[in-house]
Amino acid sequence: MRRWSPPNERQLALLGRLADVAFYNMLYYNTCPAYFWKSACRSTAYTYYVGVFYGGHPKNGADAT
């Protein structure tokens, strides 16, 4: 049995990407269908996802200090 060890940077990056995808899916499939303008909501969800994907790196936030 392996001992527990804290996740490394690569594993943390993967977990971050999985969280981003889960948030996008929640918006796209569960929130946007409730709105009258579904296409605008889905477009906003996609724009948010792409912005986080390309610009939302932890080094830009609290770890940069």
PDB file of N, CA and C in Angstrom:
ATOM      1  N   MET A   1       0.837  -1.176   0.000  1.00  0.00           N
ATOM      2  CA  MET A   1       0.000   0.000   0.000  1.00  0.00           C
ATOM      3  C   MET A   1       0.886   1.245   0.000  1.00  0.00           C
ATOM      4  N   ARG A   2       0.563   2.163  -0.934  1.00  0.00           N
ATOM      5  CA  ARG A   2       1.361   3.385  -1.017  1.00  0.00           C
ATOM      6  C   ARG A   2       0.967   4.364   0.068  1.00  0.00           C
ATOM      7  N   ARG A   3       1.956   5.093   0.530  1.00  0.00           N
ATOM      8  CA  ARG A   3       1.684   6.149   1.502  1.00  0.00           C
ATOM      9  C   ARG A   3       1.167   7.376   0.779  1.00  0.00           C
ATOM     10  N   TRP A   4       0.374   8.178   1.485  1.00  0.00           N
ATOM     11  CA  TRP A   4      -0.146   9.403   0.910  1.00  0.00           C
ATOM     12  C   TRP A   4       0.971  10.417   0.764  1.00  0.00           C
ATOM     13  N   SER A   5       0.977  11.112  -0.351  1.00  0.00           N
ATOM     14  CA  SER A   5       1.917  12.208  -0.542  1.00  0.00           C
ATOM     15  C   SER A   5       1.149  13.373  -1.162  1.00  0.00           C
ATOM     16  N   PRO A   6       1.557  14.589  -0.852  1.00  0.00           N
ATOM     17  CA  PRO A   6       0.836  15.739  -1.423  1.00  0.00           C
ATOM     18  C   PRO A   6       0.976  15.764  -2.939  1.00  0.00           C
ATOM     19  N   PRO A   7      -0.031  16.295  -3.628  1.00  0.00           N
ATOM     20  CA  PRO A   7       0.032  16.329  -5.089  1.00  0.00           C
ATOM     21  C   PRO A   7       1.143  17.251  -5.583  1.00  0.00           C
ATOM     22  N   ASN A   8       1.729  16.869  -6.702  1.00  0.00           N
ATOM     23  CA  ASN A   8       2.766  17.715  -7.291  1.00  0.00           C
ATOM     24  C   ASN A   8       2.114  18.763  -8.193  1.00  0.00           C
ATOM     25  N   GLU A   9       2.928  19.624  -8.807  1.00  0.00           N
ATOM     26  CA  GLU A   9       2.386  20.723  -9.619  1.00  0.00           C
ATOM     27  C   GLU A   9       1.589  20.223 -10.814  1.00  0.00           C
ATOM     28  N   ARG A  10       2.049  19.171 -11.423  1.00  0.00           N
ATOM     29  CA  ARG A  10       1.345  18.625 -12.594  1.00  0.00           C
ATOM     30  C   ARG A  10      -0.038  18.109 -12.211  1.00  0.00           C
ATOM     31  N   GLN A  11      -0.119  17.415 -11.082  1.00  0.00           N
ATOM     32  CA  GLN A  11      -1.402  16.899 -10.618  1.00  0.00           C
ATOM     33  C   GLN A  11      -2.342  18.035 -10.227  1.00  0.00           C
ATOM     34  N   LEU A  12      -1.799  19.082  -9.609  1.00  0.00           N
ATOM     35  CA  LEU A  12      -2.625  20.226  -9.243  1.00  0.00           C
ATOM     36  C   LEU A  12      -3.159  20.940 -10.477  1.00  0.00           C
ATOM     37  N   ALA A  13      -2.334  21.043 -11.513  1.00  0.00           N
ATOM     38  CA  ALA A  13      -2.779  21.673 -12.753  1.00  0.00           C
ATOM     39  C   ALA A  13      -3.912  20.867 -13.381  1.00  0.00           C
ATOM     40  N   LEU A  14      -3.793  19.549 -13.353  1.00  0.00           N
ATOM     41  CA  LEU A  14      -4.850  18.704 -13.901  1.00  0.00           C
ATOM     42  C   LEU A  14      -6.133  18.874 -13.103  1.00  0.00           C
ATOM     43  N   LEU A  15      -6.029  18.910 -11.784  1.00  0.00           N
ATOM     44  CA  LEU A  15      -7.216  19.097 -10.961  1.00  0.00           C
ATOM     45  C   LEU A  15      -7.862  20.451 -11.231  1.00  0.00           C
ATOM     46  N   GLY A  16      -7.047  21.463 -11.472  1.00  0.00           N
ATOM     47  CA  GLY A  16      -7.587  22.772 -11.808  1.00  0.00           C
ATOM     48  C   GLY A  16      -8.347  22.748 -13.120  1.00  0.00           C
ATOM     49  N   ARG A  17      -7.799  22.059 -14.109  1.00  0.00           N
ATOM     50  CA  ARG A  17      -8.469  21.952 -15.411  1.00  0.00           C
ATOM     51  C   ARG A  17      -9.789  21.189 -15.271  1.00  0.00           C
ATOM     52  N   LEU A  18      -9.774  20.135 -14.465  1.00  0.00           N
ATOM     53  CA  LEU A  18     -11.001  19.369 -14.257  1.00  0.00           C
ATOM     54  C   LEU A  18     -12.068  20.228 -13.580  1.00  0.00           C
ATOM     55  N   ALA A  19     -11.659  21.073 -12.648  1.00  0.00           N
ATOM     56  CA  ALA A  19     -12.608  21.968 -11.990  1.00  0.00           C
ATOM     57  C   ALA A  19     -13.167  22.980 -12.983  1.00  0.00           C
ATOM     58  N   ASP A  20     -12.327  23.492 -13.874  1.00  0.00           N
ATOM     59  CA  ASP A  20     -12.790  24.441 -14.893  1.00  0.00           C
ATOM     60  C   ASP A  20     -13.802  23.786 -15.820  1.00  0.00           C
ATOM     61  N   VAL A  21     -13.530  22.560 -16.238  1.00  0.00           N
ATOM     62  CA  VAL A  21     -14.448  21.842 -17.125  1.00  0.00           C
ATOM     63  C   VAL A  21     -15.764  21.562 -16.403  1.00  0.00           C
ATOM     64  N   ALA A  22     -15.693  21.193 -15.130  1.00  0.00           N
ATOM     65  CA  ALA A  22     -16.914  20.928 -14.368  1.00  0.00           C
ATOM     66  C   ALA A  22     -17.759  22.195 -14.231  1.00  0.00           C
ATOM     67  N   PHE A  23     -17.108  23.329 -14.007  1.00  0.00           N
ATOM     68  CA  PHE A  23     -17.838  24.586 -13.893  1.00  0.00           C
ATOM     69  C   PHE A  23     -18.493  24.951 -15.223  1.00  0.00           C
ATOM     70  N   TYR A  24     -17.765  24.793 -16.318  1.00  0.00           N
ATOM     71  CA  TYR A  24     -18.330  25.066 -17.647  1.00  0.00           C
ATOM     72  C   TYR A  24     -19.528  24.165 -17.913  1.00  0.00           C
ATOM     73  N   ASN A  25     -19.404  22.883 -17.627  1.00  0.00           N
ATOM     74  CA  ASN A  25     -20.512  21.949 -17.854  1.00  0.00           C
ATOM     75  C   ASN A  25     -21.723  22.303 -17.005  1.00  0.00           C
ATOM     76  N   MET A  26     -21.488  22.728 -15.766  1.00  0.00           N
ATOM     77  CA  MET A  26     -22.594  23.124 -14.899  1.00  0.00           C
ATOM     78  C   MET A  26     -23.337  24.323 -15.493  1.00  0.00           C
ATOM     79  N   LEU A  27     -22.574  25.307 -15.970  1.00  0.00           N
ATOM     80  CA  LEU A  27     -23.219  26.467 -16.597  1.00  0.00           C
ATOM     81  C   LEU A  27     -23.966  26.065 -17.863  1.00  0.00           C
ATOM     82  N   TYR A  28     -23.283  25.359 -18.738  1.00  0.00           N
ATOM     83  CA  TYR A  28     -23.825  25.057 -20.066  1.00  0.00           C
ATOM     84  C   TYR A  28     -25.064  24.172 -19.995  1.00  0.00           C
ATOM     85  N   TYR A  29     -24.999  23.109 -19.203  1.00  0.00           N
ATOM     86  CA  TYR A  29     -26.079  22.127 -19.201  1.00  0.00           C
ATOM     87  C   TYR A  29     -27.124  22.332 -18.114  1.00  0.00           C
ATOM     88  N   ASN A  30     -26.773  22.997 -17.008  1.00  0.00           N
ATOM     89  CA  ASN A  30     -27.728  23.119 -15.910  1.00  0.00           C
ATOM     90  C   ASN A  30     -28.246  24.539 -15.702  1.00  0.00           C
ATOM     91  N   THR A  31     -27.440  25.550 -15.962  1.00  0.00           N
ATOM     92  CA  THR A  31     -27.859  26.920 -15.715  1.00  0.00           C
ATOM     93  C   THR A  31     -28.437  27.563 -16.965  1.00  0.00           C
ATOM     94  N   CYS A  32     -27.754  27.466 -18.070  1.00  0.00           N
ATOM     95  CA  CYS A  32     -28.180  28.153 -19.297  1.00  0.00           C
ATOM     96  C   CYS A  32     -29.554  27.721 -19.816  1.00  0.00           C
ATOM     97  N   PRO A  33     -29.948  26.464 -19.700  1.00  0.00           N
ATOM     98  CA  PRO A  33     -31.286  26.105 -20.188  1.00  0.00           C
ATOM     99  C   PRO A  33     -32.419  26.846 -19.481  1.00  0.00           C
ATOM    100  N   ALA A  34     -32.170  27.390 -18.299  1.00  0.00           N
ATOM    101  CA  ALA A  34     -33.211  28.122 -17.572  1.00  0.00           C
ATOM    102  C   ALA A  34     -33.386  29.550 -18.093  1.00  0.00           C
ATOM    103  N   TYR A  35     -32.454  30.036 -18.887  1.00  0.00           N
ATOM    104  CA  TYR A  35     -32.522  31.392 -19.390  1.00  0.00           C
ATOM    105  C   TYR A  35     -33.248  31.461 -20.733  1.00  0.00           C
ATOM    106  N   PHE A  36     -33.878  32.599 -20.987  1.00  0.00           N
ATOM    107  CA  PHE A  36     -34.555  32.803 -22.264  1.00  0.00           C
ATOM    108  C   PHE A  36     -33.537  32.868 -23.398  1.00  0.00           C
ATOM    109  N   TRP A  37     -32.442  33.603 -23.177  1.00  0.00           N
ATOM    110  CA  TRP A  37     -31.387  33.743 -24.190  1.00  0.00           C
ATOM    111  C   TRP A  37     -30.315  32.683 -23.941  1.00  0.00           C
ATOM    112  N   LYS A  38     -30.606  31.456 -24.284  1.00  0.00           N
ATOM    113  CA  LYS A  38     -29.682  30.345 -24.039  1.00  0.00           C
ATOM    114  C   LYS A  38     -28.356  30.520 -24.777  1.00  0.00           C
ATOM    115  N   SER A  39     -28.419  30.989 -26.003  1.00  0.00           N
ATOM    116  CA  SER A  39     -27.185  31.116 -26.781  1.00  0.00           C
ATOM    117  C   SER A  39     -26.255  32.163 -26.173  1.00  0.00           C
ATOM    118  N   ALA A  40     -26.789  33.255 -25.648  1.00  0.00           N
ATOM    119  CA  ALA A  40     -25.950  34.269 -25.000  1.00  0.00           C
ATOM    120  C   ALA A  40     -25.319  33.715 -23.726  1.00  0.00           C
ATOM    121  N   CYS A  41     -26.086  32.955 -22.975  1.00  0.00           N
ATOM    122  CA  CYS A  41     -25.558  32.345 -21.747  1.00  0.00           C
ATOM    123  C   CYS A  41     -24.453  31.345 -22.080  1.00  0.00           C
ATOM    124  N   ARG A  42     -24.701  30.514 -23.072  1.00  0.00           N
ATOM    125  CA  ARG A  42     -23.695  29.512 -23.458  1.00  0.00           C
ATOM    126  C   ARG A  42     -22.449  30.169 -24.035  1.00  0.00           C
ATOM    127  N   SER A  43     -22.627  31.239 -24.760  1.00  0.00           N
ATOM    128  CA  SER A  43     -21.486  31.980 -25.294  1.00  0.00           C
ATOM    129  C   SER A  43     -20.658  32.576 -24.156  1.00  0.00           C
ATOM    130  N   THR A  44     -21.337  33.117 -23.154  1.00  0.00           N
ATOM    131  CA  THR A  44     -20.634  33.668 -21.989  1.00  0.00           C
ATOM    132  C   THR A  44     -19.906  32.573 -21.234  1.00  0.00           C
ATOM    133  N   ALA A  45     -20.531  31.422 -21.084  1.00  0.00           N
ATOM    134  CA  ALA A  45     -19.883  30.299 -20.403  1.00  0.00           C
ATOM    135  C   ALA A  45     -18.621  29.874 -21.149  1.00  0.00           C
ATOM    136  N   TYR A  46     -18.701  29.817 -22.471  1.00  0.00           N
ATOM    137  CA  TYR A  46     -17.540  29.420 -23.264  1.00  0.00           C
ATOM    138  C   TYR A  46     -16.435  30.471 -23.191  1.00  0.00           C
ATOM    139  N   THR A  47     -16.825  31.746 -23.248  1.00  0.00           N
ATOM    140  CA  THR A  47     -15.839  32.822 -23.150  1.00  0.00           C
ATOM    141  C   THR A  47     -15.127  32.773 -21.803  1.00  0.00           C
ATOM    142  N   TYR A  48     -15.881  32.532 -20.743  1.00  0.00           N
ATOM    143  CA  TYR A  48     -15.286  32.407 -19.414  1.00  0.00           C
ATOM    144  C   TYR A  48     -14.309  31.223 -19.375  1.00  0.00           C
ATOM    145  N   TYR A  49     -14.733  30.082 -19.911  1.00  0.00           N
ATOM    146  CA  TYR A  49     -13.884  28.894 -19.903  1.00  0.00           C
ATOM    147  C   TYR A  49     -12.578  29.140 -20.654  1.00  0.00           C
ATOM    148  N   VAL A  50     -12.660  29.734 -21.839  1.00  0.00           N
ATOM    149  CA  VAL A  50     -11.460  30.001 -22.630  1.00  0.00           C
ATOM    150  C   VAL A  50     -10.553  30.994 -21.909  1.00  0.00           C
ATOM    151  N   GLY A  51     -11.143  32.018 -21.292  1.00  0.00           N
ATOM    152  CA  GLY A  51     -10.345  32.988 -20.546  1.00  0.00           C
ATOM    153  C   GLY A  51      -9.623  32.362 -19.378  1.00  0.00           C
ATOM    154  N   VAL A  52     -10.297  31.494 -18.656  1.00  0.00           N
ATOM    155  CA  VAL A  52      -9.668  30.804 -17.529  1.00  0.00           C
ATOM    156  C   VAL A  52      -8.612  29.817 -18.031  1.00  0.00           C
ATOM    157  N   PHE A  53      -8.905  29.153 -19.145  1.00  0.00           N
ATOM    158  CA  PHE A  53      -7.964  28.170 -19.682  1.00  0.00           C
ATOM    159  C   PHE A  53      -6.639  28.818 -20.065  1.00  0.00           C
ATOM    160  N   TYR A  54      -6.705  29.971 -20.718  1.00  0.00           N
ATOM    161  CA  TYR A  54      -5.479  30.609 -21.181  1.00  0.00           C
ATOM    162  C   TYR A  54      -4.870  31.589 -20.187  1.00  0.00           C
ATOM    163  N   GLY A  55      -5.664  32.173 -19.315  1.00  0.00           N
ATOM    164  CA  GLY A  55      -5.132  33.207 -18.437  1.00  0.00           C
ATOM    165  C   GLY A  55      -5.211  32.904 -16.960  1.00  0.00           C
ATOM    166  N   GLY A  56      -5.832  31.824 -16.581  1.00  0.00           N
ATOM    167  CA  GLY A  56      -6.049  31.540 -15.166  1.00  0.00           C
ATOM    168  C   GLY A  56      -5.043  30.589 -14.562  1.00  0.00           C
ATOM    169  N   HIS A  57      -3.789  30.953 -14.611  1.00  0.00           N
ATOM    170  CA  HIS A  57      -2.761  30.108 -14.037  1.00  0.00           C
ATOM    171  C   HIS A  57      -2.488  30.525 -12.592  1.00  0.00           C
ATOM    172  N   PRO A  58      -2.261  29.589 -11.684  1.00  0.00           N
ATOM    173  CA  PRO A  58      -2.047  29.935 -10.289  1.00  0.00           C
ATOM    174  C   PRO A  58      -0.888  30.908 -10.075  1.00  0.00           C
ATOM    175  N   LYS A  59       0.105  30.899 -10.926  1.00  0.00           N
ATOM    176  CA  LYS A  59       1.250  31.784 -10.767  1.00  0.00           C
ATOM    177  C   LYS A  59       0.839  33.239 -10.956  1.00  0.00           C
ATOM    178  N   ASN A  60      -0.321  33.481 -11.582  1.00  0.00           N
ATOM    179  CA  ASN A  60      -0.804  34.847 -11.753  1.00  0.00           C
ATOM    180  C   ASN A  60      -1.506  35.362 -10.507  1.00  0.00           C
ATOM    181  N   GLY A  61      -1.792  34.485  -9.568  1.00  0.00           N
ATOM    182  CA  GLY A  61      -2.583  34.863  -8.403  1.00  0.00           C
ATOM    183  C   GLY A  61      -1.752  34.932  -7.126  1.00  0.00           C
ATOM    184  N   ALA A  62      -2.241  34.280  -6.109  1.00  0.00           N
ATOM    185  CA  ALA A  62      -1.636  34.380  -4.789  1.00  0.00           C
ATOM    186  C   ALA A  62      -0.224  33.792  -4.737  1.00  0.00           C
ATOM    187  N   ASP A  63       0.052  32.789  -5.546  1.00  0.00           N
ATOM    188  CA  ASP A  63       1.386  32.164  -5.522  1.00  0.00           C
ATOM    189  C   ASP A  63       2.460  33.092  -6.092  1.00  0.00           C
ATOM    190  N   ALA A  64       2.060  34.109  -6.836  1.00  0.00           N
ATOM    191  CA  ALA A  64       3.037  35.004  -7.447  1.00  0.00           C
ATOM    192  C   ALA A  64       3.676  35.941  -6.426  1.00  0.00           C
ATOM    193  N   THR A  65       3.036  36.070  -5.279  1.00  0.00           N
ATOM    194  CA  THR A  65       3.595  36.980  -4.270  1.00  0.00           C
ATOM    195  C   THR A  65       4.665  36.260  -3.575  1.00  0.00           C
TER     196      THR A  65
END
